């Protein structure tokens, strides 16, 4: 038997007797020349690696990595591949994700306030409940992204593609969204107060119950959009395209529709307490010819009457269904039940005003339909 040195035997004995020490898992070295060492990954139940903060990970291939709960605050992830990564509850505040690939990534409840994510590819990502206040997502691909209940105050979404995105209950106060592509987007129950959506494409969007006071929708495409039960007080829809839009039970006081296209739009049950100025609709195109044969001529004539500068203009914009044929709505005179909206005949003063400003043809038509005594 060979003689084993005592020192070696002692070392071997001590090492064998000592409990096994778990080594930290190592992330594969990143394919970068300036990589100084491997990054520590964290498993479930272990504290997130704080070493990510402020790190330069630009262009790194991190596809499918687990960064859930990790701190990447101020990190440079520009051009990095983060597709299919788990970034749930991660801290990405102030991080640079310019041009990064985040397709299919999980960013649920992530903190991304002040982050730069412009030009990023994020199609199909989960960003439910994420905080993106003041973040820059301009020109990003956000198709089919779930942003429901996200906090996006003052976010920059100019030129971003949000086609078919889910944004129900999202907070977008003061957001910059000019030119954003958002057809079919679900914004129901959200907040768009003072948001800038000039020239945005919101065709077919669900804007029901949205608070949009003071928002700028000028030149925006809202064809077929549903704005029912929304608060659009002082909102700007000038030169907007609202053909076929549905506006039921909305607050419209101070809203501007100058030179907007409301052809075929359905405007019902607008709050009767709202003070709507005739000038707010000056030059608006309101041909209701899409409503069907029975109502075509009626609404063409009704719009001619409503377009006149009269105290009943606001009520001429309302439409309510009473049996098979819609009728103009106007306020009930003060008195008993004076707080209700009356489907009534126009009075003599109105007849004189319409006859003078809209022509005898309109008066005769309204009389024929029983809408004027």
Protein backbone atom coordinates (compact mmCIF):
# COMPACT_ATOMS: atom_id res chain seq x y z
CA UNK A 1 0.00 0.00 0.00
CA UNK A 2 1.38 3.40 -0.94
CA UNK A 3 2.14 5.81 1.86
CA UNK A 4 -0.18 8.86 1.84
CA UNK A 5 1.23 12.04 3.34
CA UNK A 6 -0.38 12.98 6.64
CA UNK A 7 -1.11 16.52 5.48
CA UNK A 8 -3.04 15.26 2.45
CA UNK A 9 -4.96 12.76 4.58
CA UNK A 10 -5.91 15.44 7.07
CA UNK A 11 -7.09 17.75 4.34
CA UNK A 12 -9.13 15.01 2.70
CA UNK A 13 -10.68 13.98 6.01
CA UNK A 14 -11.70 17.52 6.96
CA UNK A 15 -13.15 18.18 3.50
CA UNK A 16 -15.16 14.96 3.57
CA UNK A 17 -16.49 15.62 7.03
CA UNK A 18 -17.54 19.24 6.30
CA UNK A 19 -21.12 19.71 5.06
CA UNK A 20 -21.57 20.36 1.34
CA UNK A 21 -21.58 24.11 0.61
CA UNK A 22 -24.09 25.12 -2.09
CA UNK A 23 -22.43 27.23 -4.73
CA UNK A 24 -24.34 30.14 -6.23
CA UNK A 25 -25.74 29.34 -9.65
CA UNK A 26 -23.95 31.12 -12.43
CA UNK A 27 -25.53 32.72 -15.41
CA UNK A 28 -23.77 31.80 -18.61
CA UNK A 29 -21.13 34.42 -19.41
CA UNK A 30 -22.61 37.04 -21.71
CA UNK A 31 -21.22 37.17 -25.24
CA UNK A 32 -19.57 40.55 -24.77
CA UNK A 33 -15.91 41.48 -24.97
CA UNK A 34 -16.17 43.85 -22.04
CA UNK A 35 -17.79 41.25 -19.79
CA UNK A 36 -15.82 41.30 -16.55
CA UNK A 37 -17.41 38.30 -14.90
CA UNK A 38 -20.51 36.12 -14.70
CA UNK A 39 -23.75 37.55 -13.33
CA UNK A 40 -25.35 35.88 -10.35
CA UNK A 41 -28.82 34.53 -10.97
CA UNK A 42 -31.27 34.23 -8.14
CA UNK A 43 -33.66 31.40 -7.53
CA UNK A 44 -37.01 31.44 -5.82
CA UNK A 45 -36.77 32.42 -2.19
CA UNK A 46 -33.34 33.99 -2.68
CA UNK A 47 -32.77 37.76 -2.70
CA UNK A 48 -32.58 39.30 -6.19
CA UNK A 49 -29.08 40.08 -7.38
CA UNK A 50 -28.46 43.73 -6.67
CA UNK A 51 -25.49 43.58 -9.00
CA UNK A 52 -27.70 44.35 -12.01
CA UNK A 53 -28.16 47.99 -11.03
CA UNK A 54 -26.51 50.36 -13.48
CA UNK A 55 -24.84 47.49 -15.34
CA UNK A 56 -24.03 47.66 -19.05
CA UNK A 57 -25.92 44.74 -20.58
CA UNK A 58 -26.52 46.37 -23.94
CA UNK A 59 -26.88 43.88 -26.77
CA UNK A 60 -26.79 40.91 -24.38
CA UNK A 61 -28.66 37.70 -25.17
CA UNK A 62 -30.83 37.15 -22.09
CA UNK A 63 -33.69 35.33 -23.77
CA UNK A 64 -35.90 33.42 -21.34
CA UNK A 65 -33.95 34.44 -18.21
CA UNK A 66 -35.61 34.76 -14.82
CA UNK A 67 -35.33 38.34 -13.56
CA UNK A 68 -38.49 38.27 -11.46
CA UNK A 69 -38.18 40.75 -8.61
CA UNK A 70 -34.64 41.69 -9.67
CA UNK A 71 -33.27 45.22 -9.48
CA UNK A 72 -32.16 46.47 -12.89
CA UNK A 73 -32.51 50.11 -11.96
CA UNK A 74 -30.53 52.35 -14.30
CA UNK A 75 -29.16 49.36 -16.23
CA UNK A 76 -28.27 49.67 -19.91
CA UNK A 77 -30.29 47.01 -21.71
CA UNK A 78 -30.47 48.77 -25.05
CA UNK A 79 -30.66 46.31 -27.92
CA UNK A 80 -30.71 43.37 -25.51
CA UNK A 81 -32.76 40.24 -26.19
CA UNK A 82 -35.14 39.90 -23.27
CA UNK A 83 -37.81 37.97 -25.13
CA UNK A 84 -39.80 35.52 -23.00
CA UNK A 85 -37.99 36.76 -19.87
CA UNK A 86 -39.71 36.80 -16.49
CA UNK A 87 -39.41 40.40 -15.33
CA UNK A 88 -42.45 40.34 -13.08
CA UNK A 89 -42.15 42.86 -10.20
CA UNK A 90 -38.65 43.76 -11.42
CA UNK A 91 -37.27 47.25 -10.80
CA UNK A 92 -36.41 48.82 -14.17
CA UNK A 93 -36.72 52.43 -13.10
CA UNK A 94 -34.56 54.67 -15.26
CA UNK A 95 -33.28 51.69 -17.26
CA UNK A 96 -32.39 52.06 -20.95
CA UNK A 97 -34.27 49.51 -23.05
CA UNK A 98 -34.02 51.35 -26.35
CA UNK A 99 -34.54 48.93 -29.22
CA UNK A 100 -34.67 45.93 -26.87
CA UNK A 101 -36.58 42.76 -27.71
CA UNK A 102 -39.21 42.09 -25.03
CA UNK A 103 -41.63 40.03 -27.10
CA UNK A 104 -43.67 37.69 -24.93
CA UNK A 105 -41.91 38.87 -21.77
CA UNK A 106 -43.69 38.98 -18.42
CA UNK A 107 -43.48 42.50 -16.99
CA UNK A 108 -46.49 42.22 -14.72
CA UNK A 109 -46.30 44.80 -11.90
CA UNK A 110 -42.80 45.80 -12.97
CA UNK A 111 -41.57 49.27 -12.00
CA UNK A 112 -40.46 51.07 -15.14
CA UNK A 113 -40.93 54.71 -14.14
CA UNK A 114 -38.70 56.98 -16.19
CA UNK A 115 -37.38 54.07 -18.28
CA UNK A 116 -36.46 54.59 -21.94
CA UNK A 117 -38.13 51.88 -24.02
CA UNK A 118 -38.39 53.69 -27.36
CA UNK A 119 -38.33 51.54 -30.47
CA UNK A 120 -38.59 48.35 -28.42
CA UNK A 121 -40.30 45.20 -29.66
CA UNK A 122 -42.84 44.18 -27.04
CA UNK A 123 -45.59 42.38 -28.97
CA UNK A 124 -47.60 40.02 -26.77
CA UNK A 125 -45.88 41.08 -23.55
CA UNK A 126 -47.70 41.03 -20.22
CA UNK A 127 -47.48 44.43 -18.53
CA UNK A 128 -50.56 44.16 -16.37
CA UNK A 129 -50.38 46.50 -13.38
CA UNK A 130 -46.94 47.80 -14.37
CA UNK A 131 -45.85 51.31 -13.39
CA UNK A 132 -44.59 53.29 -16.40
CA UNK A 133 -44.98 56.84 -15.18
CA UNK A 134 -42.91 59.21 -17.30
CA UNK A 135 -41.47 56.33 -19.33
CA UNK A 136 -40.60 56.76 -23.02
CA UNK A 137 -42.23 54.08 -25.19
CA UNK A 138 -42.35 56.15 -28.36
CA UNK A 139 -42.30 54.20 -31.64
CA UNK A 140 -42.43 50.90 -29.75
CA UNK A 141 -44.25 47.79 -30.97
CA UNK A 142 -46.89 47.13 -28.30
CA UNK A 143 -49.31 45.03 -30.32
CA UNK A 144 -51.51 42.72 -28.25
CA UNK A 145 -49.78 43.87 -25.05
CA UNK A 146 -51.79 43.60 -21.84
CA UNK A 147 -51.46 46.95 -20.06
CA UNK A 148 -54.65 46.68 -18.03
CA UNK A 149 -54.56 48.68 -14.79
CA UNK A 150 -51.09 50.00 -15.61
CA UNK A 151 -49.99 53.38 -14.23
CA UNK A 152 -48.85 55.39 -17.26
CA UNK A 153 -49.17 59.02 -16.25
CA UNK A 154 -47.14 61.35 -18.51
CA UNK A 155 -45.88 58.37 -20.54
CA UNK A 156 -44.63 58.99 -24.09
CA UNK A 157 -46.42 56.73 -26.58
CA UNK A 158 -46.03 58.90 -29.66
CA UNK A 159 -45.97 56.78 -32.78
CA UNK A 160 -46.28 53.54 -30.79
CA UNK A 161 -48.22 50.62 -32.26
CA UNK A 162 -50.83 49.45 -29.73
CA UNK A 163 -53.05 47.52 -32.12
CA UNK A 164 -55.44 45.23 -30.21
CA UNK A 165 -53.73 46.05 -26.91
CA UNK A 166 -55.66 45.64 -23.65
CA UNK A 167 -55.57 48.86 -21.66
CA UNK A 168 -58.70 48.59 -19.54
CA UNK A 169 -58.49 50.79 -16.44
CA UNK A 170 -55.14 52.24 -17.44
CA UNK A 171 -54.07 55.64 -16.06
CA UNK A 172 -52.83 57.86 -18.90
CA UNK A 173 -53.21 61.34 -17.45
CA UNK A 174 -51.10 63.80 -19.43
CA UNK A 175 -49.78 61.05 -21.70
CA UNK A 176 -48.22 61.96 -25.05
CA UNK A 177 -49.90 59.74 -27.62
CA UNK A 178 -49.95 61.82 -30.79
CA UNK A 179 -49.92 59.62 -33.86
CA UNK A 180 -50.23 56.42 -31.82
CA UNK A 181 -51.67 53.41 -33.68
CA UNK A 182 -54.45 52.01 -31.49
CA UNK A 183 -57.23 50.43 -33.58
CA UNK A 184 -59.42 48.09 -31.56
CA UNK A 185 -57.68 48.95 -28.31
CA UNK A 186 -59.60 48.41 -25.06
CA UNK A 187 -59.33 51.57 -22.93
CA UNK A 188 -62.59 51.06 -21.05
CA UNK A 189 -62.70 52.59 -17.59
CA UNK A 190 -59.36 54.29 -18.07
CA UNK A 191 -58.21 57.84 -17.40
CA UNK A 192 -57.07 60.05 -20.29
CA UNK A 193 -57.40 63.45 -18.68
CA UNK A 194 -55.31 66.07 -20.55
CA UNK A 195 -53.77 63.32 -22.69
CA UNK A 196 -52.50 64.30 -26.15
CA UNK A 197 -53.90 62.00 -28.86
CA UNK A 198 -53.81 64.32 -31.85
CA UNK A 199 -53.79 62.30 -35.06
CA UNK A 200 -53.97 58.98 -33.20
CA UNK A 201 -55.74 56.00 -34.79
CA UNK A 202 -58.44 54.77 -32.39
CA UNK A 203 -60.78 53.21 -34.94
CA UNK A 204 -63.08 50.70 -33.28
CA UNK A 205 -61.56 51.41 -29.87
CA UNK A 206 -63.49 50.79 -26.65
CA UNK A 207 -63.50 54.07 -24.71
CA UNK A 208 -66.55 53.37 -22.59
CA UNK A 209 -66.50 55.01 -19.18
CA UNK A 210 -63.21 56.77 -19.89
CA UNK A 211 -62.42 60.06 -18.16
CA UNK A 212 -61.00 62.21 -20.94
CA UNK A 213 -61.58 65.75 -19.70
CA UNK A 214 -59.34 68.18 -21.55
CA UNK A 215 -57.86 65.47 -23.77
CA UNK A 216 -56.74 66.37 -27.29
CA UNK A 217 -58.28 64.11 -29.96
CA UNK A 218 -57.93 66.64 -32.77
CA UNK A 219 -57.57 64.98 -36.19
CA UNK A 220 -57.79 61.58 -34.48
CA UNK A 221 -59.49 58.63 -36.20
CA UNK A 222 -62.34 57.39 -33.99
CA UNK A 223 -64.35 55.63 -36.68
CA UNK A 224 -66.73 53.17 -35.03
CA UNK A 225 -65.29 53.86 -31.58
CA UNK A 226 -67.51 53.49 -28.51
CA UNK A 227 -67.34 56.55 -26.23
CA UNK A 228 -70.46 55.77 -24.22
CA UNK A 229 -70.64 56.87 -20.57
CA UNK A 230 -67.38 58.76 -20.99
CA UNK A 231 -66.59 62.19 -19.61
CA UNK A 232 -65.40 64.26 -22.56
CA UNK A 233 -65.86 67.68 -20.99
CA UNK A 234 -63.57 70.26 -22.63
CA UNK A 235 -62.06 67.53 -24.82
CA UNK A 236 -60.91 68.56 -28.30
CA UNK A 237 -62.28 66.53 -31.23
CA UNK A 238 -61.79 69.22 -33.87
CA UNK A 239 -61.33 67.80 -37.37
CA UNK A 240 -61.64 64.33 -35.87
CA UNK A 241 -63.15 61.40 -37.75
CA UNK A 242 -66.01 60.02 -35.64
CA UNK A 243 -68.03 58.35 -38.38
CA UNK A 244 -70.24 55.68 -36.91
CA UNK A 245 -69.04 56.40 -33.38
CA UNK A 246 -71.31 55.50 -30.46
CA UNK A 247 -71.74 58.24 -27.85
CA UNK A 248 -74.40 57.29 -25.31
CA UNK A 249 -74.77 58.89 -21.87
CA UNK A 250 -71.59 60.95 -22.20
CA UNK A 251 -70.72 64.27 -20.55
CA UNK A 252 -69.98 66.70 -23.39
CA UNK A 253 -69.92 70.16 -21.85
CA UNK A 254 -67.21 72.26 -23.46
CA UNK A 255 -66.20 69.53 -25.90
CA UNK A 256 -65.20 70.85 -29.32
CA UNK A 257 -66.25 69.09 -32.53
CA UNK A 258 -65.50 71.90 -34.97
CA UNK A 259 -65.17 70.49 -38.51
CA UNK A 260 -65.34 66.94 -37.17
CA UNK A 261 -66.97 64.17 -39.21
CA UNK A 262 -69.88 62.65 -37.28
CA UNK A 263 -71.57 60.92 -40.21
CA UNK A 264 -73.57 57.96 -38.96
CA UNK A 265 -72.60 58.62 -35.35
CA UNK A 266 -75.11 57.70 -32.65
CA UNK A 267 -75.41 60.38 -29.95
CA UNK A 268 -77.93 59.47 -27.25
CA UNK A 269 -78.84 60.56 -23.74
CA UNK A 270 -76.16 63.21 -23.42
CA UNK A 271 -76.27 64.74 -19.95
CA UNK A 272 -78.99 67.42 -20.12
CA UNK A 273 -77.18 69.62 -17.61
CA UNK A 274 -74.25 70.10 -19.98
CA UNK A 275 -74.03 73.50 -21.62
CA UNK A 276 -73.12 72.73 -25.22
CA UNK A 277 -72.44 75.74 -27.40
CA UNK A 278 -73.59 75.69 -31.02
CA UNK A 279 -70.14 76.94 -31.94
CA UNK A 280 -68.61 73.73 -30.59
CA UNK A 281 -70.03 71.94 -33.64
CA UNK A 282 -69.53 74.64 -36.26
CA UNK A 283 -68.70 73.16 -39.62
CA UNK A 284 -69.06 69.59 -38.35
CA UNK A 285 -70.23 67.12 -40.98
CA UNK A 286 -73.20 65.25 -39.61
CA UNK A 287 -74.91 63.28 -42.37
CA UNK A 288 -76.79 60.48 -40.61
CA UNK A 289 -77.44 58.56 -43.84
CA UNK A 290 -76.02 55.36 -42.35
CA UNK A 291 -78.95 54.93 -39.99
CA UNK A 292 -81.23 53.07 -42.42
CA UNK A 293 -83.96 53.97 -44.89
CA UNK A 294 -86.61 54.96 -42.40
CA UNK A 295 -84.38 57.44 -40.61
CA UNK A 296 -82.26 58.81 -43.44
CA UNK A 297 -84.26 61.83 -44.50
CA UNK A 298 -85.41 62.51 -40.97
CA UNK A 299 -81.91 62.91 -39.65
CA UNK A 300 -80.70 64.90 -42.62
CA UNK A 301 -83.45 67.42 -41.93
CA UNK A 302 -83.00 67.19 -38.18
CA UNK A 303 -79.32 67.97 -38.55
CA UNK A 304 -80.13 70.97 -40.70
CA UNK A 305 -82.32 72.23 -37.90
CA UNK A 306 -79.77 71.47 -35.21
CA UNK A 307 -76.98 73.15 -37.17
CA UNK A 308 -78.80 76.48 -36.89
CA UNK A 309 -77.57 78.80 -34.18
CA UNK A 310 -80.37 78.35 -31.64
CA UNK A 311 -80.84 77.67 -27.98
CA UNK A 312 -82.03 74.17 -28.91
CA UNK A 313 -78.90 73.18 -30.79
CA UNK A 314 -77.56 71.02 -27.97
CA UNK A 315 -80.81 69.11 -27.80
CA UNK A 316 -80.90 68.73 -31.56
CA UNK A 317 -77.71 66.75 -31.22
CA UNK A 318 -79.40 64.21 -28.97
CA UNK A 319 -81.16 61.23 -30.45
CA UNK A 320 -83.57 59.00 -28.62
CA UNK A 321 -85.64 56.09 -29.82
CA UNK A 322 -89.38 56.29 -29.21
CA UNK A 323 -91.04 53.41 -31.00
CA UNK A 324 -89.86 52.69 -34.54
CA UNK A 325 -88.77 56.24 -35.32
CA UNK A 326 -86.16 58.40 -33.50
CA UNK A 327 -87.14 61.93 -32.54
CA UNK A 328 -85.41 65.10 -31.52
CA UNK A 329 -85.16 65.64 -27.80
CA UNK A 330 -85.53 69.01 -26.14
CA UNK A 331 -85.78 70.14 -22.52
CA UNK A 332 -89.09 70.17 -20.69
CA UNK A 333 -90.09 73.70 -19.62
CA UNK A 334 -89.53 74.48 -15.93
CA UNK A 335 -92.24 73.22 -13.64
CA UNK A 336 -93.47 69.83 -12.56
CA UNK A 337 -91.03 67.11 -13.59
CA UNK A 338 -88.88 69.82 -15.06
CA UNK A 339 -85.76 67.78 -14.42
CA UNK A 340 -86.70 65.24 -17.08
CA UNK A 341 -85.94 65.25 -20.79
CA UNK A 342 -89.06 65.59 -22.90
CA UNK A 343 -89.63 64.02 -26.32
CA UNK A 344 -91.83 66.93 -27.37
CA UNK A 345 -92.87 69.23 -30.20
CA UNK A 346 -90.77 72.27 -30.97
CA UNK A 347 -92.39 75.53 -29.94
CA UNK A 348 -93.37 78.48 -32.12
CA UNK A 349 -90.16 80.39 -31.47
CA UNK A 350 -88.20 77.41 -32.69
CA UNK A 351 -90.35 77.20 -35.83
CA UNK A 352 -89.69 80.83 -36.65
CA UNK A 353 -85.99 80.42 -36.06
CA UNK A 354 -85.74 77.29 -38.24
CA UNK A 355 -87.88 78.84 -40.96
CA UNK A 356 -85.62 81.88 -41.05
CA UNK A 357 -82.27 80.10 -40.85
CA UNK A 358 -82.88 76.61 -42.24
CA UNK A 359 -85.56 77.14 -44.83
CA UNK A 360 -89.22 76.29 -45.27
CA UNK A 361 -88.39 72.79 -46.54
CA UNK A 362 -87.05 71.77 -43.15
CA UNK A 363 -90.04 73.27 -41.32
CA UNK A 364 -92.50 71.44 -43.60
CA UNK A 365 -90.66 68.18 -43.12
CA UNK A 366 -90.62 68.44 -39.32
CA UNK A 367 -94.34 69.29 -39.31
CA UNK A 368 -95.06 66.33 -41.56
CA UNK A 369 -93.29 64.04 -39.11
CA UNK A 370 -95.21 65.48 -36.18
CA UNK A 371 -92.14 67.08 -34.66
CA UNK A 372 -93.43 70.64 -34.93
CA UNK A 373 -96.87 72.06 -34.34
